[in-house]
Amino acid sequence: MLRTNLTHILSEKEHSELLDNNENVMICCGRMGPMCIPVYAEMEELEKEYKHVKFADMEFDLPDAKVIRELPECRNFFGIPFVIYYKNGKVVKATSSIQSREQITSNLDTYLNHHE
């Protein structure tokens, strides 16, 4: 299991339930490595600001992580983590490799905007 304070997804079933129960979801699929840890740290901070988004992680090497690894949007990715943004259960944006806070917030604001 990843050592983060995020919600951990450990199975395809949990992944499906997370998407079914939340309109806006950001999942970081990676390892505890130098390209992934900064993304988890930003997500942990942003979780406090973006209350309408469910933030979660999934260990890249889990067999069930194929639900992310095998997405068509990830076909040409070479670096981890794979970060997937979901709106109403559909992939609306996918990125790979390290992301800055500015890149993450831009994606959150663009793809997971909140309408009150």
N, C-alpha and C. Protein backbone atom coordinates (compact mmCIF):
# COMPACT_ATOMS: atom_id res chain seq x y z
N MET A 1 0.84 -1.18 0.00
CA MET A 1 0.00 0.00 0.00
C MET A 1 0.88 1.25 0.00
N LEU A 2 0.42 2.26 -0.69
CA LEU A 2 1.17 3.51 -0.74
C LEU A 2 1.09 4.24 0.60
N ARG A 3 2.18 4.86 0.98
CA ARG A 3 2.23 5.57 2.25
C ARG A 3 1.85 7.03 2.05
N THR A 4 0.55 7.25 1.86
CA THR A 4 0.01 8.60 1.71
C THR A 4 -1.19 8.73 2.64
N ASN A 5 -1.69 9.94 2.76
CA ASN A 5 -2.91 10.18 3.55
C ASN A 5 -4.14 10.22 2.66
N LEU A 6 -4.00 9.78 1.43
CA LEU A 6 -5.11 9.77 0.48
C LEU A 6 -5.93 8.49 0.65
N THR A 7 -7.11 8.48 0.08
CA THR A 7 -7.91 7.25 0.02
C THR A 7 -7.17 6.27 -0.87
N HIS A 8 -6.99 5.04 -0.40
CA HIS A 8 -6.28 4.02 -1.18
C HIS A 8 -7.30 3.15 -1.92
N ILE A 9 -7.06 2.95 -3.20
CA ILE A 9 -7.88 2.03 -4.00
C ILE A 9 -7.06 0.77 -4.17
N LEU A 10 -7.62 -0.36 -3.73
CA LEU A 10 -6.87 -1.61 -3.75
C LEU A 10 -7.42 -2.64 -4.72
N SER A 11 -8.57 -2.34 -5.36
CA SER A 11 -9.17 -3.34 -6.26
C SER A 11 -9.98 -2.65 -7.35
N GLU A 12 -10.29 -3.41 -8.40
CA GLU A 12 -11.16 -2.91 -9.46
C GLU A 12 -12.52 -2.53 -8.88
N LYS A 13 -13.00 -3.32 -7.92
CA LYS A 13 -14.30 -3.06 -7.30
C LYS A 13 -14.29 -1.71 -6.58
N GLU A 14 -13.23 -1.45 -5.80
CA GLU A 14 -13.14 -0.17 -5.10
C GLU A 14 -13.05 0.99 -6.08
N HIS A 15 -12.32 0.79 -7.18
CA HIS A 15 -12.21 1.80 -8.23
C HIS A 15 -13.59 2.12 -8.79
N SER A 16 -14.33 1.08 -9.11
CA SER A 16 -15.68 1.24 -9.67
C SER A 16 -16.61 1.95 -8.69
N GLU A 17 -16.56 1.54 -7.43
CA GLU A 17 -17.40 2.15 -6.41
C GLU A 17 -17.07 3.63 -6.21
N LEU A 18 -15.78 3.95 -6.24
CA LEU A 18 -15.36 5.35 -6.08
C LEU A 18 -15.95 6.21 -7.20
N LEU A 19 -15.89 5.69 -8.43
CA LEU A 19 -16.42 6.44 -9.57
C LEU A 19 -17.94 6.52 -9.52
N ASP A 20 -18.59 5.45 -9.07
CA ASP A 20 -20.05 5.44 -8.97
C ASP A 20 -20.57 6.41 -7.92
N ASN A 21 -19.79 6.62 -6.87
CA ASN A 21 -20.26 7.40 -5.72
C ASN A 21 -19.77 8.85 -5.68
N ASN A 22 -18.96 9.25 -6.66
CA ASN A 22 -18.40 10.60 -6.67
C ASN A 22 -18.43 11.18 -8.07
N GLU A 23 -18.92 12.41 -8.19
CA GLU A 23 -18.98 13.06 -9.51
C GLU A 23 -17.59 13.41 -10.03
N ASN A 24 -16.73 13.93 -9.16
CA ASN A 24 -15.40 14.39 -9.54
C ASN A 24 -14.35 13.58 -8.79
N VAL A 25 -13.46 12.92 -9.56
CA VAL A 25 -12.45 12.05 -8.94
C VAL A 25 -11.10 12.29 -9.61
N MET A 26 -10.06 12.37 -8.78
CA MET A 26 -8.67 12.42 -9.26
C MET A 26 -7.94 11.25 -8.63
N ILE A 27 -7.38 10.37 -9.48
CA ILE A 27 -6.63 9.21 -8.99
C ILE A 27 -5.20 9.29 -9.50
N CYS A 28 -4.27 9.13 -8.58
CA CYS A 28 -2.85 9.07 -8.93
C CYS A 28 -2.41 7.62 -8.78
N CYS A 29 -1.99 7.03 -9.88
CA CYS A 29 -1.57 5.64 -9.90
C CYS A 29 -0.05 5.61 -10.05
N GLY A 30 0.64 5.22 -8.97
CA GLY A 30 2.10 5.27 -9.03
C GLY A 30 2.74 4.42 -7.96
N ARG A 31 3.96 4.80 -7.62
CA ARG A 31 4.76 4.13 -6.60
C ARG A 31 5.25 5.20 -5.63
N MET A 32 6.01 4.81 -4.63
CA MET A 32 6.59 5.78 -3.70
C MET A 32 7.96 6.19 -4.24
N GLY A 33 7.96 6.81 -5.42
CA GLY A 33 9.20 7.23 -6.06
C GLY A 33 9.26 8.74 -6.24
N PRO A 34 10.39 9.23 -6.76
CA PRO A 34 10.63 10.67 -6.85
C PRO A 34 9.69 11.43 -7.79
N MET A 35 9.10 10.77 -8.75
CA MET A 35 8.17 11.44 -9.65
C MET A 35 6.75 11.42 -9.10
N CYS A 36 6.46 10.49 -8.21
CA CYS A 36 5.11 10.30 -7.68
C CYS A 36 4.87 11.04 -6.37
N ILE A 37 5.83 10.99 -5.47
CA ILE A 37 5.64 11.55 -4.13
C ILE A 37 5.21 13.03 -4.17
N PRO A 38 5.82 13.87 -5.02
CA PRO A 38 5.37 15.27 -5.05
C PRO A 38 3.90 15.41 -5.49
N VAL A 39 3.43 14.53 -6.34
CA VAL A 39 2.04 14.58 -6.78
C VAL A 39 1.11 14.21 -5.62
N TYR A 40 1.46 13.15 -4.89
CA TYR A 40 0.66 12.78 -3.72
C TYR A 40 0.61 13.93 -2.72
N ALA A 41 1.75 14.57 -2.49
CA ALA A 41 1.81 15.68 -1.52
C ALA A 41 0.89 16.82 -1.94
N GLU A 42 0.91 17.17 -3.22
CA GLU A 42 0.02 18.23 -3.71
C GLU A 42 -1.44 17.82 -3.56
N MET A 43 -1.74 16.57 -3.87
CA MET A 43 -3.12 16.09 -3.74
C MET A 43 -3.61 16.17 -2.30
N GLU A 44 -2.73 15.82 -1.35
CA GLU A 44 -3.10 15.88 0.06
C GLU A 44 -3.44 17.31 0.47
N GLU A 45 -2.69 18.29 -0.05
CA GLU A 45 -2.97 19.70 0.24
C GLU A 45 -4.24 20.17 -0.46
N LEU A 46 -4.38 19.81 -1.72
CA LEU A 46 -5.52 20.28 -2.52
C LEU A 46 -6.84 19.68 -2.05
N GLU A 47 -6.76 18.53 -1.40
CA GLU A 47 -7.97 17.87 -0.89
C GLU A 47 -8.73 18.80 0.07
N LYS A 48 -7.98 19.65 0.78
CA LYS A 48 -8.59 20.59 1.72
C LYS A 48 -9.33 21.72 0.99
N GLU A 49 -8.84 22.09 -0.20
CA GLU A 49 -9.40 23.21 -0.96
C GLU A 49 -10.51 22.77 -1.92
N TYR A 50 -10.36 21.61 -2.50
CA TYR A 50 -11.30 21.11 -3.51
C TYR A 50 -12.20 20.06 -2.88
N LYS A 51 -13.13 20.52 -2.07
CA LYS A 51 -14.02 19.61 -1.32
C LYS A 51 -14.95 18.82 -2.24
N HIS A 52 -15.17 19.32 -3.46
CA HIS A 52 -16.08 18.65 -4.40
C HIS A 52 -15.37 17.57 -5.22
N VAL A 53 -14.07 17.36 -4.97
CA VAL A 53 -13.29 16.34 -5.69
C VAL A 53 -12.86 15.27 -4.71
N LYS A 54 -12.99 14.01 -5.11
CA LYS A 54 -12.50 12.89 -4.31
C LYS A 54 -11.09 12.55 -4.81
N PHE A 55 -10.11 12.65 -3.92
CA PHE A 55 -8.72 12.37 -4.26
C PHE A 55 -8.37 10.96 -3.77
N ALA A 56 -7.67 10.20 -4.61
CA ALA A 56 -7.31 8.83 -4.23
C ALA A 56 -6.00 8.43 -4.91
N ASP A 57 -5.41 7.35 -4.39
CA ASP A 57 -4.22 6.79 -5.02
C ASP A 57 -4.44 5.31 -5.28
N MET A 58 -3.64 4.78 -6.18
CA MET A 58 -3.67 3.34 -6.47
C MET A 58 -2.25 2.93 -6.80
N GLU A 59 -1.81 1.84 -6.18
CA GLU A 59 -0.46 1.36 -6.41
C GLU A 59 -0.34 0.81 -7.83
N PHE A 60 0.63 1.34 -8.58
CA PHE A 60 0.80 1.01 -9.98
C PHE A 60 0.99 -0.48 -10.23
N ASP A 61 1.64 -1.17 -9.30
CA ASP A 61 1.99 -2.58 -9.50
C ASP A 61 0.91 -3.56 -9.07
N LEU A 62 -0.18 -3.07 -8.50
CA LEU A 62 -1.29 -3.97 -8.17
C LEU A 62 -1.87 -4.56 -9.46
N PRO A 63 -2.19 -5.85 -9.46
CA PRO A 63 -2.83 -6.41 -10.66
C PRO A 63 -4.09 -5.63 -11.07
N ASP A 64 -4.89 -5.22 -10.09
CA ASP A 64 -6.13 -4.50 -10.40
C ASP A 64 -5.90 -3.09 -10.92
N ALA A 65 -4.67 -2.58 -10.82
CA ALA A 65 -4.39 -1.25 -11.35
C ALA A 65 -4.45 -1.23 -12.88
N LYS A 66 -4.69 -2.39 -13.48
CA LYS A 66 -4.87 -2.43 -14.93
C LYS A 66 -6.06 -1.56 -15.36
N VAL A 67 -6.99 -1.30 -14.44
CA VAL A 67 -8.14 -0.43 -14.78
C VAL A 67 -7.66 0.98 -15.13
N ILE A 68 -6.48 1.33 -14.68
CA ILE A 68 -5.88 2.61 -15.05
C ILE A 68 -4.78 2.39 -16.08
N ARG A 69 -3.88 1.45 -15.84
CA ARG A 69 -2.75 1.22 -16.77
C ARG A 69 -3.21 0.95 -18.19
N GLU A 70 -4.36 0.28 -18.35
CA GLU A 70 -4.82 -0.12 -19.68
C GLU A 70 -5.83 0.84 -20.31
N LEU A 71 -6.04 1.99 -19.69
CA LEU A 71 -6.95 2.97 -20.30
C LEU A 71 -6.39 3.43 -21.65
N PRO A 72 -7.24 3.63 -22.65
CA PRO A 72 -6.76 4.14 -23.94
C PRO A 72 -6.02 5.47 -23.78
N GLU A 73 -6.44 6.29 -22.82
CA GLU A 73 -5.81 7.59 -22.60
C GLU A 73 -4.39 7.46 -22.09
N CYS A 74 -4.02 6.29 -21.59
CA CYS A 74 -2.68 6.06 -21.05
C CYS A 74 -1.77 5.29 -22.01
N ARG A 75 -2.27 4.99 -23.17
CA ARG A 75 -1.56 4.12 -24.12
C ARG A 75 -0.14 4.60 -24.41
N ASN A 76 0.07 5.90 -24.53
CA ASN A 76 1.39 6.42 -24.91
C ASN A 76 2.19 6.97 -23.74
N PHE A 77 1.77 6.65 -22.52
CA PHE A 77 2.49 7.13 -21.35
C PHE A 77 3.73 6.28 -21.10
N PHE A 78 4.82 6.94 -20.71
CA PHE A 78 6.06 6.24 -20.39
C PHE A 78 6.48 6.43 -18.94
N GLY A 79 6.06 7.53 -18.31
CA GLY A 79 6.49 7.80 -16.95
C GLY A 79 5.34 7.74 -15.97
N ILE A 80 5.64 7.30 -14.76
CA ILE A 80 4.61 7.32 -13.72
C ILE A 80 4.85 8.54 -12.85
N PRO A 81 3.83 8.98 -12.15
CA PRO A 81 2.52 8.37 -12.02
C PRO A 81 1.61 8.67 -13.20
N PHE A 82 0.60 7.82 -13.35
CA PHE A 82 -0.51 8.10 -14.26
C PHE A 82 -1.57 8.79 -13.40
N VAL A 83 -1.97 9.98 -13.79
CA VAL A 83 -2.99 10.72 -13.04
C VAL A 83 -4.23 10.84 -13.92
N ILE A 84 -5.34 10.35 -13.39
CA ILE A 84 -6.58 10.32 -14.16
C ILE A 84 -7.62 11.20 -13.46
N TYR A 85 -8.26 12.04 -14.25
CA TYR A 85 -9.34 12.90 -13.76
C TYR A 85 -10.64 12.36 -14.35
N TYR A 86 -11.61 12.07 -13.48
CA TYR A 86 -12.89 11.51 -13.90
C TYR A 86 -14.02 12.49 -13.57
N LYS A 87 -14.95 12.64 -14.50
CA LYS A 87 -16.17 13.43 -14.27
C LYS A 87 -17.33 12.50 -14.58
N ASN A 88 -18.19 12.27 -13.59
CA ASN A 88 -19.34 11.38 -13.75
C ASN A 88 -18.92 10.00 -14.29
N GLY A 89 -17.81 9.48 -13.78
CA GLY A 89 -17.35 8.15 -14.14
C GLY A 89 -16.59 8.04 -15.45
N LYS A 90 -16.43 9.15 -16.17
CA LYS A 90 -15.74 9.14 -17.47
C LYS A 90 -14.40 9.86 -17.36
N VAL A 91 -13.39 9.34 -18.06
CA VAL A 91 -12.09 10.00 -18.08
C VAL A 91 -12.22 11.30 -18.86
N VAL A 92 -11.84 12.41 -18.23
CA VAL A 92 -11.87 13.69 -18.92
C VAL A 92 -10.48 14.25 -19.16
N LYS A 93 -9.48 13.70 -18.43
CA LYS A 93 -8.10 14.13 -18.61
C LYS A 93 -7.20 13.07 -18.00
N ALA A 94 -6.05 12.83 -18.64
CA ALA A 94 -5.05 11.91 -18.12
C ALA A 94 -3.67 12.51 -18.35
N THR A 95 -2.82 12.44 -17.33
CA THR A 95 -1.46 12.95 -17.45
C THR A 95 -0.50 11.89 -16.93
N SER A 96 0.77 12.04 -17.27
CA SER A 96 1.78 11.13 -16.74
C SER A 96 2.99 11.94 -16.30
N SER A 97 3.76 11.34 -15.43
CA SER A 97 4.98 11.90 -14.87
C SER A 97 4.65 12.97 -13.83
N ILE A 98 5.69 13.59 -13.33
CA ILE A 98 5.52 14.55 -12.24
C ILE A 98 4.68 15.73 -12.72
N GLN A 99 3.87 16.27 -11.83
CA GLN A 99 3.02 17.42 -12.12
C GLN A 99 3.22 18.46 -11.04
N SER A 100 3.27 19.72 -11.44
CA SER A 100 3.36 20.81 -10.46
C SER A 100 1.98 21.12 -9.91
N ARG A 101 1.94 21.86 -8.83
CA ARG A 101 0.67 22.28 -8.25
C ARG A 101 -0.14 23.06 -9.29
N GLU A 102 0.53 23.92 -10.04
CA GLU A 102 -0.15 24.72 -11.06
C GLU A 102 -0.78 23.85 -12.15
N GLN A 103 -0.08 22.81 -12.57
CA GLN A 103 -0.62 21.90 -13.58
C GLN A 103 -1.84 21.15 -13.03
N ILE A 104 -1.72 20.70 -11.79
CA ILE A 104 -2.83 19.96 -11.18
C ILE A 104 -4.05 20.86 -11.01
N THR A 105 -3.85 22.05 -10.45
CA THR A 105 -5.01 22.94 -10.23
C THR A 105 -5.62 23.37 -11.55
N SER A 106 -4.81 23.55 -12.57
CA SER A 106 -5.36 23.89 -13.89
C SER A 106 -6.27 22.78 -14.39
N ASN A 107 -5.84 21.53 -14.23
CA ASN A 107 -6.67 20.40 -14.66
C ASN A 107 -7.93 20.29 -13.80
N LEU A 108 -7.79 20.47 -12.50
CA LEU A 108 -8.96 20.42 -11.63
C LEU A 108 -9.97 21.50 -12.02
N ASP A 109 -9.49 22.71 -12.24
CA ASP A 109 -10.37 23.83 -12.58
C ASP A 109 -11.01 23.66 -13.95
N THR A 110 -10.26 23.10 -14.89
CA THR A 110 -10.76 22.94 -16.25
C THR A 110 -11.72 21.76 -16.38
N TYR A 111 -11.36 20.63 -15.79
CA TYR A 111 -12.10 19.39 -16.05
C TYR A 111 -13.05 18.97 -14.92
N LEU A 112 -12.77 19.41 -13.70
CA LEU A 112 -13.61 19.01 -12.57
C LEU A 112 -14.19 20.24 -11.88
N ASN A 113 -14.63 21.17 -12.71
CA ASN A 113 -15.16 22.42 -12.16
C ASN A 113 -16.40 22.13 -11.32
N HIS A 114 -16.64 23.02 -10.42
CA HIS A 114 -17.73 22.81 -9.44
C HIS A 114 -18.82 23.84 -9.69
N HIS A 115 -20.01 23.36 -9.92
CA HIS A 115 -21.15 24.25 -10.10
C HIS A 115 -22.05 24.11 -8.88
N GLU A 116 -22.20 25.20 -8.17
CA GLU A 116 -23.05 25.17 -6.96
C GLU A 116 -24.48 25.45 -7.32
